[in-house]
Structure formats: C-alpha cells, structure tokens
Protein backbone atom coordinates (compact mmCIF):
# COMPACT_ATOMS: atom_id res chain seq x y z
CA MET A 1 36.85 -5.80 98.55
CA LYS A 2 39.53 -8.50 98.51
CA LEU A 3 36.83 -11.03 97.94
CA ILE A 4 35.58 -9.25 94.82
CA LEU A 5 39.10 -8.97 93.51
CA ILE A 6 39.78 -12.66 94.05
CA LEU A 7 36.49 -13.70 92.47
CA SER A 8 37.20 -11.52 89.46
CA ALA A 9 40.63 -13.08 89.03
CA VAL A 10 39.21 -16.62 89.31
CA LEU A 11 36.50 -15.88 86.77
CA LEU A 12 39.08 -14.48 84.38
CA LEU A 13 41.07 -17.66 84.66
CA PHE A 14 38.08 -19.81 83.81
CA THR A 15 37.21 -17.86 80.71
CA VAL A 16 38.29 -19.49 77.56
CA PRO A 17 40.18 -17.21 75.31
CA ALA A 18 38.61 -16.89 71.86
CA PHE A 19 41.21 -17.44 69.25
CA SER A 20 39.28 -17.60 66.03
CA ALA A 21 39.27 -16.02 62.61
CA LEU A 22 36.37 -14.89 60.45
CA THR A 23 35.66 -17.08 57.52
CA VAL A 24 34.51 -15.85 54.09
CA GLU A 25 31.09 -17.20 54.89
CA ASP A 26 30.96 -15.14 58.09
CA ILE A 27 32.00 -12.01 56.21
CA GLU A 28 29.30 -12.65 53.56
CA LYS A 29 26.69 -13.07 56.30
CA ILE A 30 27.82 -9.79 57.89
CA ARG A 31 27.65 -8.07 54.48
CA SER A 32 24.17 -9.40 53.80
CA ILE A 33 22.98 -8.33 57.26
CA ILE A 34 24.46 -4.81 56.76
CA LYS A 35 22.99 -4.66 53.26
CA GLU A 36 19.54 -5.67 54.54
CA GLU A 37 19.76 -3.13 57.35
CA THR A 38 20.93 -0.43 54.91
CA ILE A 39 18.09 -1.19 52.51
CA ALA A 40 15.59 -1.22 55.36
CA SER A 41 17.01 2.04 56.67
CA GLU A 42 16.89 3.64 53.21
CA THR A 43 13.30 2.45 52.79
CA ARG A 44 12.31 3.94 56.16
CA VAL A 45 14.08 7.23 55.28
CA LYS A 46 12.38 7.34 51.87
CA GLU A 47 9.00 6.66 53.44
CA TYR A 48 9.62 9.34 56.08
CA VAL A 49 10.75 11.88 53.45
CA SER A 50 7.73 11.00 51.27
CA GLN A 51 5.40 11.51 54.22
CA GLU A 52 7.04 14.84 55.08
CA ILE A 53 6.84 15.95 51.44
CA ALA A 54 3.16 14.97 51.39
CA LYS A 55 2.57 17.00 54.57
CA VAL A 56 4.39 19.99 53.07
CA ASN A 57 2.38 19.66 49.85
CA ILE A 58 -0.84 19.57 51.85
CA LYS A 59 0.21 22.69 53.74
CA ILE A 60 1.15 24.40 50.49
CA GLU A 61 -2.24 23.50 48.98
CA GLU A 62 -4.02 24.82 52.08
CA MET A 63 -2.01 28.05 51.94
CA ASP A 64 -2.68 28.32 48.21
CA ARG A 65 -6.43 27.93 48.77
CA ARG A 66 -6.40 30.40 51.65
CA LEU A 67 -4.33 32.95 49.74
CA THR A 68 -6.45 32.50 46.62
CA GLY A 69 -9.55 33.21 48.70
CA GLU A 70 -7.94 36.24 50.30
CA ILE A 71 -6.76 37.52 46.93
CA ARG A 72 -10.23 37.12 45.45
CA ALA A 73 -11.80 38.91 48.43
CA LEU A 74 -9.23 41.69 48.18
CA ASP A 75 -9.72 41.91 44.43
CA SER A 76 -13.49 42.21 44.75
CA ARG A 77 -13.14 44.81 47.53
CA LEU A 78 -10.65 46.84 45.52
CA THR A 79 -12.79 46.56 42.40
CA GLY A 80 -15.75 47.95 44.34
CA GLU A 81 -13.65 50.76 45.76
CA ILE A 82 -12.26 51.59 42.32
CA ARG A 83 -15.75 51.69 40.84
CA ALA A 84 -16.97 53.95 43.64
CA LEU A 85 -13.96 56.20 43.21
CA ASP A 86 -14.46 56.24 39.45
CA SER A 87 -18.10 57.24 39.73
CA ARG A 88 -17.25 59.92 42.31
CA LEU A 89 -14.46 61.31 40.15
CA THR A 90 -16.66 61.22 37.07
CA GLY A 91 -19.25 63.33 38.91
CA GLU A 92 -16.58 65.75 40.10
CA ILE A 93 -15.13 66.02 36.59
CA ARG A 94 -18.59 66.81 35.19
CA SER A 95 -19.07 69.43 37.89
CA LEU A 96 -15.68 70.96 37.09
CA ASP A 97 -16.52 70.90 33.39
CA LYS A 98 -19.71 72.86 34.05
CA GLN A 99 -17.80 75.34 36.21
CA LEU A 100 -15.20 75.79 33.48
CA ASP A 101 -17.96 76.40 30.93
CA ARG A 102 -19.46 79.05 33.21
CA LEU A 103 -16.06 80.65 33.79
CA PHE A 104 -15.35 80.69 30.05
CA ALA A 105 -18.69 82.37 29.39
CA LEU A 106 -17.97 84.89 32.16
CA VAL A 107 -14.53 85.64 30.73
CA MET A 108 -16.04 86.13 27.28
CA VAL A 109 -18.64 88.50 28.72
CA LEU A 110 -15.90 90.44 30.55
CA VAL A 111 -13.82 90.64 27.36
CA ALA A 112 -16.86 91.94 25.48
CA PHE A 113 -17.57 94.42 28.29
CA VAL A 114 -13.96 95.67 28.28
CA ALA A 115 -14.09 95.97 24.48
CA VAL A 116 -17.30 97.97 24.72
CA VAL A 117 -16.05 100.15 27.58
CA ILE A 118 -12.74 100.90 25.86
CA GLY A 119 -13.88 100.63 22.24
CA ILE A 120 -16.95 102.86 22.24
CA PRO A 121 -15.17 105.91 23.69
CA GLN A 122 -12.34 105.35 21.22
CA ILE A 123 -14.83 105.21 18.36
CA ILE A 124 -16.58 108.35 19.64
CA VAL A 125 -13.24 110.17 19.94
CA ALA A 126 -12.22 109.03 16.46
CA MET A 127 -15.54 110.22 15.00
CA GLN A 128 -15.19 113.56 16.80
CA ARG A 129 -11.65 113.98 15.44
CA LYS A 130 -12.94 113.16 11.97
CA ASP A 131 -15.69 115.79 12.37
CA ILE A 132 -13.15 118.28 13.74
CA ARG A 133 -10.84 117.64 10.77
CA ALA A 134 -13.77 118.07 8.42
CA GLN A 135 -14.73 121.32 10.19
CA ASP A 136 -11.09 122.48 10.09
CA ALA A 137 -11.02 121.76 6.38
CA LYS A 138 -14.27 123.72 5.90
CA ILE A 139 -12.95 126.59 8.04
CA GLU A 140 -9.75 126.73 6.03
CA ALA A 141 -11.70 126.64 2.78
CA LEU A 142 -13.93 129.45 4.05
CA GLN A 143 -10.91 131.45 5.21
CA GLN A 144 -9.36 131.07 1.79
CA GLU A 145 -12.62 132.13 0.21
CA ILE A 146 -12.79 135.15 2.52
CA GLU A 147 -9.19 136.00 1.70
CA THR A 148 -9.91 135.64 -1.99
CA ARG A 149 -12.91 137.96 -1.74
CA ARG A 150 -10.97 140.52 0.22
CA GLN A 151 -8.35 140.58 -2.44
CA GLU A 152 -11.03 140.91 -5.06
CA ARG A 153 -12.50 143.81 -3.15
CA ILE A 154 -9.16 145.45 -2.88
CA VAL A 155 -8.53 144.97 -6.52
CA ARG A 156 -12.12 146.20 -7.44
CA PRO A 157 -13.00 149.01 -5.25
C-alpha cells in the first residue's frame, strides 16, 4: 500500500502542470464543433420525428381503411335489417288496416241493429198513440153527438 502511495506521489511530481489559456481560434473551433454537432443532432431528431410521423400516418390510414370497411359492412347490414323491418311493418299495417275496416263495418252494423231494435218499437208505439188519439177524438165526437141527440130527444118528445 505504501508502494502505491509513493508511486502515485512520484507520478504526480513528474506531471507537467498545464498553464495555458484558450485562444480565440480555439473558442471558434469549439463553437464550430458544437454547431456541427447541434445541426447533426437536429437533423437526426427531425429525421426520427419524420419517420415516427410517417409511421403514425400509416397507422391512421390503416385504421381509416379498416373503419371505413367496418362502417360500410355495418351500413349494409343495417340497411338490410331496416328494409326487412319496413316490409314486415308494412304487412302488419295492412293487416291492421283490414281489421279496422272490418271493425268499422261491424260497428256500423251494430249501430244499425240498435237503431232498428230501439227505433221500430218506438215507431210502433208512436203510431199506436196516434191511432189511440184518433180513436179518442172519434169517441169524443160520438159522445158529443150522442149527447146532442139526447138533448134533442128531450126537447122533442
């Protein structure tokens, strides 16, 4: 361990201290190197970003194609289902229309039947009352005539 320490101290003594200053030329070289590295780095980043954007655009186009296909398939399926539903509902509406026509005819027949059942007896009763009034009028006229003849008989014995 002492040996390593001594060797390190000896090597430090033999090293020449660097007492120097940077010249303008050195600074310009450093600037140009940094500028070149910055430009190269920016170019690499731009290329990388462009590649990633291209990959994303490709994925978007693939998704767009896939979704367009799915939408078209869904649209055609739904169109078929809507047409089937429309034809089924049209048939059911026609059936209901026929049933309503039959029900309307039945209601009209029932109304006519009720009118006949209620109306005819009312007409018969009205005619009988008219006949009874006419008979009452005749009876009264005959009673007056009988009364008039009795009085004539009393007056002309």
